[in-house]
Each structure stands twice: as C-alpha cells, then as structure tokens.
Amino acid sequence: MIAMRRRTWIAAAIFALWAAVIGYRISTKLMVSAEQGADHWTMCDFQGTLYYPAVAWLNGVNPYDPDFPEHYPVERRLPAYAPMGVLLHVPFALLPVRAAEGAYFLVTLALVLIMAALTLRACGLPHESAWVFALGTLMLIARPGHKTMLLGQSTMELALGVYLALIYSRDRPFLAAIGVALTTLKPQFALPLLLPLLAARAYRAVFGGLALAAGLSLAVLARFGAAGPASWWRAVRHSAAAVSRPSEMWFLRIDLSYALRVVFGAHGAALDLALALGTVGGAAFVVYRTCRDGPIAASALALTATCTAILLSNYHLTYDAIVLTLPVVALLSGVGVAGLAPATRLALAVLLLVPAVHYDLPMARVFDTLGLGGRWWTADSVTNTTALAVAFVGSALLATRATSRVSGR
C-alpha cells in the first residue's frame, strides 16, 4: 500500500511538473490581441473558437456572422463548429479572458487524465492513479497533446467524445450518445465516426447523439431567429472552401487529401469525396469483420482503422492525432487480436506513434537546409499521413483474415 502511494505521488508530481512546463511556455507566448504577430500565439484557438464566440452569444451577437472578427479580438471568423459548442463553453465566457484561459487549461488537464483512465480500463490494464498519471504525462509529452495545450484547442473534448462512443456503444448507449454529441463540436470528427458505429450496430448511440447535438445547436441559433441557421450554413460553406486553399499551417495537416495535393498536386471535390468514402467505408468493413457484435473498443484492429479513418478522411491537423492514444495502447496490450503476431501489433503501434514523436520538426526545414527542397518534401505532414495510411491499410488487410467476431465486454 505504501509503495502504491509512493508511485502515485511520484507519477502525479511528474505530471504536474510537465504541465507546469507547458503552462510556462504558454505564458511566454500568450496571445493578448490578434495584432501581436507570430511570436505570440498560445491560447489563440481558445480565444477565437471557444471563449469569444460564447462571449458574443451572451451579448446577443451571432458568432457565425462574417463580421464577428470586427467586434472581438479574434484572428478569423468562426468555422463551422457545432453551435452547441458555444453553449458548452458559456461558463468560461463568464470569466475575464485571462482567468478563463487558466480555467480551460486546468479542465483540459483533467480531460487528459479522464482519457488516460478510459484507455487503460478499456484495454484491461491496471488503471490505478499511478498508471493514469503516467499515461497522462506521455499524452502531454507527445506532440498532439503538447500542441493542444499550447493552442487551447478543444481536441481533448472531441477525443473524449470519440472514446465514449467507441467504448460504451453497446452496454451504455446513453453515455455513448453523449460522446457522439461531443464529436459534433467539429463535424470532421463526427461524420467519419458514424458509419463505423453503424457497422457495430450502435444505432441508439448514433441517432441519440445526433438528436442531442441538433437540439442543443438549434437552441443556440434560435436566439437569432431564422438568420441563425442560415449563418451557420454560410459558415459551413466558408469552411469547406477554406480547407482546400493553401495555408500557413500546411505543415500541421495530416489528412490524406492534403498529402496527395502536396506530393502529386492532385485535388478536387470528387477526389476528396472518394477518399473520405474510401477510408470511412474501409473502417466500417474492419469493424464489421472484427467486432460487429461488440463495442469497437473490443478490437485493436477496429480501433486502429476507425481512428486513422477519422484523421485521414478529411481536414485534420497534427494535434487531432491525440485520438490515437487508445488504439496504440490497445495494440500494445493485445486487445481483441488473438492470433496476431506481437511483431505485427508493434509495427502498427509504431506507425500510429509517428505523429506523436515527430515533434515540432517540419521536415521541409530539414530538407531545405540540406538543399533537397521541392514539391516532394514540402511538409512533414506527408510523413505523418503516410504512416497513418499504412497503418489503416494494414488493419484492413489483417481484418480480412479475421475468422471470428469479438463479443461485447
């Protein structure tokens, strides 16, 4: 008992220490106004997509109006995130911005520990406090977790929603429905998740989650009458057009469509749709083959295919790869992959870890320094995306050999 307490205190201290390091870095580059320039950027996403939209809503201003940036100190108009997200973040809008940033930082740390606990429990591993803090620390050290904290991104909320949906889709559908609703905060998480869940026959989770999200979102937009839903639809169209244009954040993109643009110059709405349907359909196939009668979390191959499909199928940046924590741990612990060689599981896990260890090192800078620049080496996103694509294809091929379906836990 004493040894367990000692391990817990040590693990908690290391977690707190690393969190303090991240907090210090945030404070040194904190964005106070949108005009500060490139040297001050931390918590910019919290301000622009979570805090000020909620403040605007409380003040009777529609955050989806194109002139939203003219009224509040934000860099750009609000993307087509689900309006229910505005409602969820109203508690932070009741605080001054600096206090709200600190509160959201602490809440995000708590979400990291919740995700770590869910991961360990789902994989049948010890989930005592020491192990939860240890995995949480690794999540903060990894590039996706580090970036999420620095930017004040809502990625932990979305990843938590994905995990609730994947783990509890069969035995606790109401909790899974809450997870599905959370993923709608960013449609690029929700849409690729639906087909694999339907393949797992998680109908109550899917339709219940969508109904919950729709109800809360309509409640937010109803404040602005008929102009509310229309403004959100305009935001959808604007966001859809923006993701196909070059961006100064190019080196953070990890979706398959963007990688093909970088390497081959391929582009177009038809190609984007084909890639989305192909990856999501492939994930649904893996789910059907390996765990149709149980939760997706009961099969490491299904987790791998589903989480990589979410990232590959449409617009995603590096910090979204935090969702890969669960499939990595599932592969390493051998969840639902009886008969799969340990070396194969390790290889898949290593591929999924590439975005985690590819740490703030855009490969373009390396190749430019070596004089090897050019279209083929314009982004480290190509490296990340290639690793995820290989893992996705590998999980699909391995699923074709599945001879039995995993039953629910």
Protein backbone atom coordinates (compact mmCIF):
# COMPACT_ATOMS: atom_id res chain seq x y z
CA MET A 1 0.00 0.00 0.00
CA ILE A 2 2.81 2.40 0.90
CA ALA A 3 4.67 1.55 -2.30
CA MET A 4 1.49 2.16 -4.33
CA ARG A 5 1.01 5.57 -2.71
CA ARG A 6 4.63 6.42 -3.39
CA ARG A 7 4.24 5.52 -7.07
CA THR A 8 1.08 7.60 -7.26
CA TRP A 9 2.73 10.66 -5.73
CA ILE A 10 5.76 10.34 -7.99
CA ALA A 11 3.62 9.93 -11.11
CA ALA A 12 1.40 12.84 -10.08
CA ALA A 13 4.42 15.04 -9.43
CA ILE A 14 5.89 14.29 -12.87
CA PHE A 15 2.52 15.02 -14.50
CA ALA A 16 2.24 18.32 -12.60
CA LEU A 17 5.81 19.25 -13.45
CA TRP A 18 5.31 18.75 -17.17
CA ALA A 19 2.01 20.61 -17.01
CA ALA A 20 3.86 23.48 -15.34
CA VAL A 21 6.45 23.48 -18.13
CA ILE A 22 3.65 23.75 -20.71
CA GLY A 23 1.97 26.46 -18.65
CA TYR A 24 5.19 28.45 -18.51
CA ARG A 25 5.63 28.21 -22.28
CA ILE A 26 2.05 29.39 -22.75
CA SER A 27 2.70 32.41 -20.55
CA THR A 28 5.80 33.44 -22.52
CA LYS A 29 4.00 33.47 -25.88
CA LEU A 30 0.47 34.30 -24.77
CA MET A 31 -1.70 35.95 -27.38
CA VAL A 32 -3.28 39.07 -25.88
CA SER A 33 -4.50 40.65 -29.10
CA ALA A 34 -4.86 39.44 -32.68
CA GLU A 35 -2.40 42.11 -33.86
CA GLN A 36 0.57 40.88 -31.81
CA GLY A 37 2.14 38.87 -34.60
CA ALA A 38 3.64 35.43 -34.99
CA ASP A 39 5.63 35.47 -31.74
CA HIS A 40 2.52 35.48 -29.54
CA TRP A 41 0.16 32.68 -30.43
CA THR A 42 -0.55 30.45 -27.43
CA MET A 43 -4.23 30.07 -26.43
CA CYS A 44 -5.22 31.67 -29.74
CA ASP A 45 -7.63 28.84 -30.58
CA PHE A 46 -9.28 29.04 -27.19
CA GLN A 47 -9.87 32.73 -27.65
CA GLY A 48 -11.06 32.57 -31.25
CA THR A 49 -13.17 29.40 -31.29
CA LEU A 50 -14.33 28.86 -27.71
CA TYR A 51 -14.17 31.94 -25.50
CA TYR A 52 -15.13 34.94 -27.62
CA PRO A 53 -17.88 33.10 -29.54
CA ALA A 54 -19.51 32.31 -26.18
CA VAL A 55 -19.00 35.92 -25.04
CA ALA A 56 -20.59 37.15 -28.25
CA TRP A 57 -23.58 34.85 -27.81
CA LEU A 58 -24.12 36.10 -24.27
CA ASN A 59 -24.01 39.65 -25.62
CA GLY A 60 -26.61 38.88 -28.28
CA VAL A 61 -24.08 38.83 -31.15
CA ASN A 62 -24.17 35.93 -33.59
CA PRO A 63 -20.65 34.41 -33.59
CA TYR A 64 -21.29 32.84 -37.02
CA ASP A 65 -21.78 36.20 -38.72
CA PRO A 66 -18.91 37.07 -41.08
CA ASP A 67 -18.30 40.34 -39.20
CA PHE A 68 -17.68 38.54 -35.88
CA PRO A 69 -13.91 39.36 -36.01
CA GLU A 70 -14.75 43.06 -36.26
CA HIS A 71 -16.39 43.04 -32.84
CA TYR A 72 -13.99 40.82 -30.89
CA PRO A 73 -10.19 40.40 -30.80
CA VAL A 74 -10.01 37.22 -32.90
CA GLU A 75 -7.97 36.36 -35.99
CA ARG A 76 -10.72 34.95 -38.21
CA ARG A 77 -14.40 34.18 -38.45
CA LEU A 78 -15.75 31.21 -36.55
CA PRO A 79 -15.50 27.94 -38.53
CA ALA A 80 -18.49 25.64 -38.94
CA TYR A 81 -18.23 24.10 -35.49
CA ALA A 82 -21.48 22.84 -33.98
CA PRO A 83 -23.36 25.68 -32.26
CA MET A 84 -23.80 23.51 -29.17
CA GLY A 85 -20.11 24.18 -28.55
CA VAL A 86 -20.94 27.80 -27.87
CA LEU A 87 -23.36 26.71 -25.16
CA LEU A 88 -20.90 24.27 -23.58
CA HIS A 89 -18.27 26.98 -23.19
CA VAL A 90 -20.53 29.69 -21.76
CA PRO A 91 -19.17 29.04 -18.21
CA PHE A 92 -15.74 30.22 -19.39
CA ALA A 93 -17.30 33.29 -21.00
CA LEU A 94 -18.49 34.40 -17.56
CA LEU A 95 -14.85 34.91 -16.54
CA PRO A 96 -12.30 37.51 -17.66
CA VAL A 97 -10.27 36.16 -20.55
CA ARG A 98 -7.07 35.51 -18.55
CA ALA A 99 -8.98 33.66 -15.82
CA ALA A 100 -10.91 31.74 -18.47
CA GLU A 101 -7.66 30.63 -20.11
CA GLY A 102 -6.34 29.34 -16.80
CA ALA A 103 -9.60 27.53 -16.07
CA TYR A 104 -9.65 25.91 -19.50
CA PHE A 105 -6.03 24.84 -19.10
CA LEU A 106 -6.94 23.01 -15.87
CA VAL A 107 -10.07 21.50 -17.40
CA THR A 108 -8.04 20.20 -20.35
CA LEU A 109 -5.55 18.61 -17.97
CA ALA A 110 -8.45 16.87 -16.22
CA LEU A 111 -9.73 15.62 -19.60
CA VAL A 112 -6.29 14.16 -20.33
CA LEU A 113 -6.46 12.12 -17.12
CA ILE A 114 -10.03 11.01 -17.86
CA MET A 115 -8.97 9.85 -21.33
CA ALA A 116 -5.99 8.02 -19.83
CA ALA A 117 -8.23 6.25 -17.33
CA LEU A 118 -10.74 5.27 -20.01
CA THR A 119 -7.94 3.95 -22.21
CA LEU A 120 -6.41 1.78 -19.52
CA ARG A 121 -9.80 0.43 -18.42
CA ALA A 122 -10.89 -0.35 -21.99
CA CYS A 123 -7.65 -2.23 -22.62
CA GLY A 124 -7.95 -4.30 -19.45
CA LEU A 125 -4.82 -2.75 -17.96
CA PRO A 126 -4.25 -1.53 -14.40
CA HIS A 127 -5.99 1.83 -14.07
CA GLU A 128 -4.85 2.89 -10.61
CA SER A 129 -3.93 6.55 -10.19
CA ALA A 130 -0.20 6.00 -10.79
CA TRP A 131 -0.82 4.43 -14.20
CA VAL A 132 -3.34 7.12 -15.12
CA PHE A 133 -0.87 9.89 -14.30
CA ALA A 134 1.90 8.06 -16.18
CA LEU A 135 -0.15 7.69 -19.37
CA GLY A 136 -1.43 11.25 -18.99
CA THR A 137 2.15 12.53 -18.85
CA LEU A 138 3.02 10.66 -22.04
CA MET A 139 -0.05 12.20 -23.70
CA LEU A 140 1.17 15.69 -22.73
CA ILE A 141 4.71 14.99 -23.93
CA ALA A 142 3.52 13.72 -27.31
CA ARG A 143 3.32 16.38 -29.99
CA PRO A 144 -0.51 16.28 -30.36
CA GLY A 145 -1.11 16.74 -26.64
CA HIS A 146 1.56 19.42 -26.36
CA LYS A 147 0.10 21.40 -29.28
CA THR A 148 -3.43 21.05 -27.94
CA MET A 149 -2.43 22.57 -24.62
CA LEU A 150 -0.43 25.40 -26.16
CA LEU A 151 -3.16 26.43 -28.57
CA GLY A 152 -6.06 25.98 -26.16
CA GLN A 153 -7.64 23.60 -28.64
CA SER A 154 -10.85 21.67 -27.92
CA THR A 155 -9.24 18.43 -29.14
CA MET A 156 -9.42 16.72 -25.75
CA GLU A 157 -13.17 17.27 -25.62
CA LEU A 158 -13.53 15.76 -29.08
CA ALA A 159 -11.24 12.82 -28.37
CA LEU A 160 -13.14 12.14 -25.16
CA GLY A 161 -16.34 12.04 -27.21
CA VAL A 162 -14.78 9.56 -29.63
CA TYR A 163 -13.67 7.34 -26.75
CA LEU A 164 -17.07 7.37 -25.05
CA ALA A 165 -18.69 6.36 -28.36
CA LEU A 166 -16.16 3.60 -29.10
CA ILE A 167 -16.07 2.11 -25.61
CA TYR A 168 -19.70 2.31 -24.48
CA SER A 169 -21.62 1.95 -27.75
CA ARG A 170 -23.10 -1.42 -26.73
CA ASP A 171 -23.54 -1.55 -22.97
CA ARG A 172 -24.14 2.14 -22.14
CA PRO A 173 -25.69 3.71 -25.23
CA PHE A 174 -26.75 6.91 -23.44
CA LEU A 175 -23.14 7.61 -22.46
CA ALA A 176 -22.03 6.74 -26.00
CA ALA A 177 -24.67 9.14 -27.37
CA ILE A 178 -23.17 11.93 -25.27
CA GLY A 179 -19.84 11.01 -26.84
CA VAL A 180 -21.27 11.24 -30.35
CA ALA A 181 -22.78 14.62 -29.50
CA LEU A 182 -19.39 15.86 -28.27
CA THR A 183 -17.74 14.87 -31.54
CA THR A 184 -20.13 17.14 -33.44
CA LEU A 185 -18.30 20.11 -31.94
CA LYS A 186 -16.15 19.61 -35.03
CA PRO A 187 -18.03 17.81 -37.82
CA GLN A 188 -14.77 16.44 -39.21
CA PHE A 189 -14.68 14.16 -36.14
CA ALA A 190 -18.36 13.23 -36.08
CA LEU A 191 -19.02 12.39 -39.71
CA PRO A 192 -16.28 9.72 -40.16
CA LEU A 193 -17.30 8.13 -36.86
CA LEU A 194 -20.92 7.46 -37.77
CA LEU A 195 -20.50 4.68 -40.36
CA PRO A 196 -18.18 2.52 -38.20
CA LEU A 197 -20.62 2.91 -35.30
CA LEU A 198 -23.49 1.85 -37.55
CA ALA A 199 -21.41 -1.13 -38.67
CA ALA A 200 -21.15 -2.03 -34.98
CA ARG A 201 -24.95 -1.70 -34.75
CA ALA A 202 -24.66 1.16 -32.26
CA TYR A 203 -27.89 2.71 -33.53
CA ARG A 204 -29.01 4.27 -30.27
CA ALA A 205 -25.64 5.92 -29.76
CA VAL A 206 -25.61 7.38 -33.28
CA PHE A 207 -29.16 8.67 -33.52
CA GLY A 208 -29.38 9.67 -29.88
CA GLY A 209 -26.13 11.63 -30.11
CA LEU A 210 -27.15 13.39 -33.31
CA ALA A 211 -30.54 14.30 -31.84
CA LEU A 212 -28.91 15.70 -28.70
CA ALA A 213 -26.42 17.76 -30.70
CA ALA A 214 -29.12 19.05 -33.05
CA GLY A 215 -31.38 20.07 -30.19
CA LEU A 216 -28.68 21.99 -28.32
CA SER A 217 -27.38 23.61 -31.51
CA LEU A 218 -30.84 24.78 -32.57
CA ALA A 219 -31.35 26.21 -29.10
CA VAL A 220 -28.21 28.32 -29.56
CA LEU A 221 -29.15 29.53 -33.06
CA ALA A 222 -32.81 30.17 -32.17
CA ARG A 223 -31.73 33.33 -30.37
CA PHE A 224 -31.13 34.93 -33.78
CA GLY A 225 -34.33 33.76 -35.44
CA ALA A 226 -34.27 32.44 -39.00
CA ALA A 227 -30.91 34.20 -39.54
CA GLY A 228 -29.26 31.84 -37.02
CA PRO A 229 -29.38 28.57 -39.00
CA ALA A 230 -28.64 30.50 -42.21
CA SER A 231 -25.49 31.99 -40.68
CA TRP A 232 -24.25 28.56 -39.63
CA TRP A 233 -24.83 27.18 -43.13
CA ARG A 234 -22.79 30.07 -44.55
CA ALA A 235 -20.02 29.14 -42.11
CA VAL A 236 -20.18 25.55 -43.39
CA ARG A 237 -19.69 26.70 -46.97
CA HIS A 238 -16.89 29.07 -46.00
CA SER A 239 -15.05 26.36 -44.05
CA ALA A 240 -15.43 23.86 -46.89
CA ALA A 241 -13.82 26.33 -49.28
CA ALA A 242 -11.06 27.27 -46.84
CA VAL A 243 -9.73 23.73 -46.28
CA SER A 244 -8.85 23.35 -49.96
CA ARG A 245 -6.71 26.50 -50.05
CA PRO A 246 -3.02 26.68 -49.09
CA SER A 247 -2.44 27.74 -45.51
CA GLU A 248 0.49 28.87 -43.43
CA MET A 249 -0.39 25.91 -41.18
CA TRP A 250 0.40 23.48 -44.02
CA PHE A 251 2.99 21.57 -42.02
CA LEU A 252 0.35 20.55 -39.46
CA ARG A 253 -2.07 18.90 -41.92
CA ILE A 254 -2.30 15.11 -41.69
CA ASP A 255 -5.34 14.26 -43.82
CA LEU A 256 -4.85 12.10 -46.90
CA SER A 257 -6.34 14.54 -49.39
CA TYR A 258 -3.89 17.27 -48.45
CA ALA A 259 -0.90 14.92 -48.61
CA LEU A 260 -1.87 13.93 -52.16
CA ARG A 261 -2.07 17.61 -53.07
CA VAL A 262 1.41 18.18 -51.67
CA VAL A 263 3.07 15.21 -53.37
CA PHE A 264 1.18 14.81 -56.64
CA GLY A 265 -0.74 18.05 -57.00
CA ALA A 266 -3.99 16.07 -57.07
CA HIS A 267 -7.04 17.94 -55.92
CA GLY A 268 -10.75 18.37 -56.48
CA ALA A 269 -14.04 17.83 -54.68
CA ALA A 270 -14.59 14.46 -56.36
CA LEU A 271 -11.23 13.16 -55.14
CA ASP A 272 -11.87 14.48 -51.63
CA LEU A 273 -15.22 12.71 -51.52
CA ALA A 274 -13.76 9.47 -52.85
CA LEU A 275 -11.01 9.49 -50.23
CA ALA A 276 -13.48 10.22 -47.45
CA LEU A 277 -15.85 7.44 -48.51
CA GLY A 278 -13.00 5.00 -49.09
CA THR A 279 -11.37 5.46 -45.70
CA VAL A 280 -14.60 5.58 -43.71
CA GLY A 281 -16.01 2.63 -45.64
CA GLY A 282 -12.81 0.69 -45.01
CA ALA A 283 -13.09 1.38 -41.29
CA ALA A 284 -16.69 0.17 -41.30
CA PHE A 285 -15.54 -3.04 -43.03
CA VAL A 286 -12.91 -3.66 -40.33
CA VAL A 287 -15.49 -3.07 -37.61
CA TYR A 288 -17.92 -5.45 -39.30
CA ARG A 289 -15.27 -8.16 -39.59
CA THR A 290 -13.83 -7.90 -36.09
CA CYS A 291 -16.44 -6.62 -33.64
CA ARG A 292 -19.87 -6.32 -35.20
CA ASP A 293 -21.49 -7.76 -32.07
CA GLY A 294 -19.47 -5.77 -29.56
CA PRO A 295 -18.06 -2.30 -28.93
CA ILE A 296 -15.43 -1.08 -31.35
CA ALA A 297 -13.03 -0.79 -28.41
CA ALA A 298 -13.11 -4.60 -28.14
CA SER A 299 -10.82 -4.90 -31.17
CA ALA A 300 -7.47 -3.16 -31.60
CA LEU A 301 -7.78 -3.53 -35.37
CA ALA A 302 -11.20 -1.84 -35.36
CA LEU A 303 -9.84 0.96 -33.17
CA THR A 304 -6.87 1.43 -35.48
CA ALA A 305 -8.99 1.55 -38.62
CA THR A 306 -11.63 3.84 -37.12
CA CYS A 307 -9.28 6.37 -35.54
CA THR A 308 -6.98 6.56 -38.56
CA ALA A 309 -10.02 6.91 -40.85
CA ILE A 310 -11.20 9.88 -38.79
CA LEU A 311 -7.85 11.60 -39.34
CA LEU A 312 -7.28 10.59 -42.97
CA SER A 313 -10.76 11.13 -44.36
CA ASN A 314 -10.97 14.94 -44.08
CA TYR A 315 -9.33 18.10 -42.76
CA HIS A 316 -7.26 17.43 -39.63
CA LEU A 317 -4.14 18.91 -38.04
CA THR A 318 -1.42 17.21 -36.03
CA TYR A 319 -2.96 17.88 -32.62
CA ASP A 320 -6.00 15.78 -33.56
CA ALA A 321 -3.76 12.69 -33.53
CA ILE A 322 -4.20 12.54 -29.74
CA VAL A 323 -7.20 10.33 -30.59
CA LEU A 324 -4.70 7.58 -31.48
CA THR A 325 -3.82 7.00 -27.82
CA LEU A 326 -6.48 4.33 -27.39
CA PRO A 327 -5.59 2.23 -30.46
CA VAL A 328 -1.87 2.43 -29.63
CA VAL A 329 -2.42 1.10 -26.11
CA ALA A 330 -4.89 -1.50 -27.41
CA LEU A 331 -2.36 -2.78 -29.93
CA LEU A 332 0.43 -2.96 -27.37
CA SER A 333 -1.79 -4.77 -24.88
CA GLY A 334 -3.30 -7.12 -27.49
CA VAL A 335 -6.99 -6.24 -27.16
CA GLY A 336 -9.12 -8.47 -29.41
CA VAL A 337 -6.26 -9.52 -31.69
CA ALA A 338 -5.79 -13.17 -30.77
CA GLY A 339 -3.56 -14.84 -33.30
CA LEU A 340 -1.92 -11.62 -34.42
CA ALA A 341 1.85 -11.77 -34.02
CA PRO A 342 3.30 -9.38 -31.40
CA ALA A 343 5.69 -8.02 -34.02
CA THR A 344 2.75 -7.10 -36.25
CA ARG A 345 0.96 -5.35 -33.40
CA LEU A 346 4.14 -3.48 -32.52
CA ALA A 347 4.63 -2.38 -36.13
CA LEU A 348 1.11 -0.95 -36.29
CA ALA A 349 1.61 0.83 -32.97
CA VAL A 350 4.89 2.36 -34.16
CA LEU A 351 3.17 3.70 -37.28
CA LEU A 352 0.48 5.31 -35.15
CA LEU A 353 3.13 6.90 -32.95
CA VAL A 354 4.83 8.75 -35.80
CA PRO A 355 2.74 11.95 -35.35
CA ALA A 356 3.43 11.78 -31.61
CA VAL A 357 7.22 11.69 -31.87
CA HIS A 358 7.52 13.84 -35.00
CA TYR A 359 7.99 16.65 -32.56
CA ASP A 360 7.93 20.24 -33.85
CA LEU A 361 10.27 19.31 -36.67
CA PRO A 362 8.68 20.23 -40.02
CA MET A 363 10.69 18.14 -42.44
CA ALA A 364 10.58 20.91 -45.01
CA ARG A 365 13.08 22.85 -42.92
CA VAL A 366 15.42 19.87 -42.74
CA PHE A 367 15.31 19.19 -46.48
CA ASP A 368 15.64 22.89 -47.30
CA THR A 369 18.76 23.04 -45.12
CA LEU A 370 20.19 20.05 -46.98
CA GLY A 371 19.31 21.59 -50.32
CA LEU A 372 16.75 18.88 -51.01
CA GLY A 373 13.66 21.05 -51.02
CA GLY A 374 10.89 20.86 -53.58
CA ARG A 375 7.36 19.62 -54.03
CA TRP A 376 8.10 16.16 -52.64
CA TRP A 377 9.33 17.48 -49.32
CA THR A 378 7.13 20.48 -48.61
CA ALA A 379 5.65 19.25 -45.34
CA ASP A 380 6.25 16.84 -42.51
CA SER A 381 2.53 16.19 -42.83
CA VAL A 382 3.42 13.79 -45.65
CA THR A 383 5.46 11.67 -43.24
CA ASN A 384 2.68 11.63 -40.65
CA THR A 385 -0.03 10.91 -43.20
CA THR A 386 1.95 8.14 -44.87
CA ALA A 387 2.45 6.37 -41.55
CA LEU A 388 -1.26 6.61 -40.72
CA ALA A 389 -2.27 5.45 -44.20
CA VAL A 390 -0.02 2.38 -43.97
CA ALA A 391 -1.48 1.56 -40.54
CA PHE A 392 -5.00 1.96 -41.93
CA VAL A 393 -4.37 -0.32 -44.90
CA GLY A 394 -2.59 -2.82 -42.66
CA SER A 395 -5.50 -3.02 -40.25
CA ALA A 396 -7.92 -3.54 -43.16
CA LEU A 397 -5.81 -6.33 -44.67
CA LEU A 398 -5.43 -8.04 -41.31
CA ALA A 399 -9.18 -7.80 -40.75
CA THR A 400 -9.81 -9.82 -43.91
CA ARG A 401 -8.19 -12.73 -42.11
CA ALA A 402 -10.46 -12.44 -39.10
CA THR A 403 -12.34 -15.68 -38.58
CA SER A 404 -14.45 -14.74 -35.61
CA ARG A 405 -16.11 -11.63 -34.27
CA VAL A 406 -15.40 -10.31 -30.82
CA SER A 407 -18.36 -10.30 -28.49
CA GLY A 408 -19.18 -7.34 -26.27
CA ARG A 409 -17.35 -6.95 -22.98
